[in-house]
Protein backbone atom coordinates (compact mmCIF):
# COMPACT_ATOMS: atom_id res chain seq x y z
CA MET A 1 -7.02 -9.52 -13.45
CA GLU A 2 -7.00 -5.81 -11.84
CA GLN A 3 -7.44 -4.68 -8.08
CA GLN A 4 -7.91 -1.08 -7.11
CA VAL A 5 -6.79 -0.43 -3.27
CA ALA A 6 -7.40 2.76 -1.07
CA ILE A 7 -4.64 3.27 0.62
CA LYS A 8 -4.56 4.72 3.64
CA GLY A 9 -0.95 6.71 5.09
CA MET A 10 0.61 9.16 1.78
CA SER A 11 1.31 12.03 1.91
CA CYS A 12 3.94 12.86 -1.03
CA GLY A 13 6.03 11.42 -3.32
CA GLY A 14 8.60 9.49 -1.93
CA CYS A 15 5.46 7.37 -0.47
CA VAL A 16 4.42 7.08 -3.23
CA LYS A 17 7.75 5.32 -4.60
CA THR A 18 8.01 3.49 -0.88
CA VAL A 19 4.45 1.68 -1.67
CA GLU A 20 4.66 0.85 -5.59
CA LYS A 21 7.37 -0.53 -4.27
CA ALA A 22 6.32 -3.09 -1.38
CA LEU A 23 3.46 -4.21 -3.27
CA SER A 24 5.20 -5.40 -6.77
CA GLN A 25 7.16 -7.53 -4.30
CA ILE A 26 4.25 -9.77 -3.60
CA VAL A 27 4.69 -12.84 -5.07
CA GLY A 28 2.50 -12.87 -8.13
CA ILE A 29 1.45 -9.36 -8.78
CA LYS A 30 3.00 -8.44 -12.39
CA ALA A 31 2.41 -4.67 -12.16
CA VAL A 32 1.11 -1.65 -10.13
CA SER A 33 0.46 1.62 -10.14
CA VAL A 34 0.10 4.15 -6.94
CA SER A 35 -1.58 7.78 -7.31
CA LEU A 36 -2.02 10.57 -4.68
CA SER A 37 -4.98 11.50 -5.68
CA PRO A 38 -7.59 9.94 -4.66
CA PRO A 39 -4.38 7.33 -2.35
CA LYS A 40 -4.89 4.52 -4.13
CA ALA A 41 -2.99 1.87 -6.19
CA VAL A 42 -3.77 -0.22 -9.07
CA ILE A 43 -2.61 -4.07 -9.24
CA GLN A 44 -2.43 -5.70 -11.72
CA ALA A 45 -1.89 -9.84 -10.89
CA ASP A 46 -2.25 -13.78 -11.61
CA SER A 47 -5.33 -13.87 -9.53
CA ALA A 48 -6.89 -11.79 -6.28
CA ILE A 49 -4.36 -10.53 -3.91
CA ASN A 50 -5.31 -11.32 -0.27
CA MET A 51 -5.92 -8.06 1.55
CA ALA A 52 -4.47 -9.52 4.67
CA GLN A 53 -1.13 -9.91 2.39
CA LEU A 54 -1.44 -6.49 1.00
CA GLN A 55 -1.66 -4.53 4.82
CA ALA A 56 0.76 -6.59 6.27
CA VAL A 57 3.67 -5.40 3.59
CA LEU A 58 2.08 -1.65 3.95
CA SER A 59 2.44 -2.26 7.45
CA LYS A 60 6.31 -3.17 7.13
CA ALA A 61 6.82 -0.78 5.02
CA GLY A 62 6.13 2.03 6.69
CA ASN A 63 2.68 3.57 8.43
CA TYR A 64 0.50 2.85 5.41
CA GLY A 65 -2.51 0.79 5.39
CA VAL A 66 -5.69 -0.72 3.23
CA ALA A 67 -8.67 1.67 3.24
CA GLY A 68 -11.23 0.26 5.85
CA GLU A 69 -9.67 -2.84 6.59
CA GLN A 70 -9.04 -3.11 10.71
CA GLU A 71 -6.03 -0.63 12.39
CA THR A 72 -3.51 -2.36 14.05
CA ASN A 73 -1.56 -1.61 17.49
CA ALA A 74 1.79 -0.49 15.94
CA PRO A 75 3.19 2.86 17.19
CA LYS A 76 1.60 6.33 14.65
CA LYS A 77 3.58 8.31 13.23
CA SER A 78 2.33 11.63 11.05
CA GLY A 79 2.96 10.58 7.34
CA GLY A 80 4.42 7.38 6.10
CA GLY A 81 7.55 6.02 6.21
CA CYS A 82 9.41 8.77 4.33
CA CYS A 83 7.76 11.76 6.39
CA GLY A 84 8.82 10.82 9.59
């Protein structure tokens, strides 16, 4: 099953690699491809991936998130996890 998810908070190639690595560690994801323009992830998985799970993994990896999902109260940085 393929899912496309808009990602927010990425600003450079380092962010893309960080997001790709974080998402690829989710159980059930077979492959993931992340792009900066447009900022999205294409996920190949055994079944649909829970958006809350994606949001949690992205937040833990840095200042990233699923576009359209509710904001958390986490402190904001100017860029993603690599862009301080």
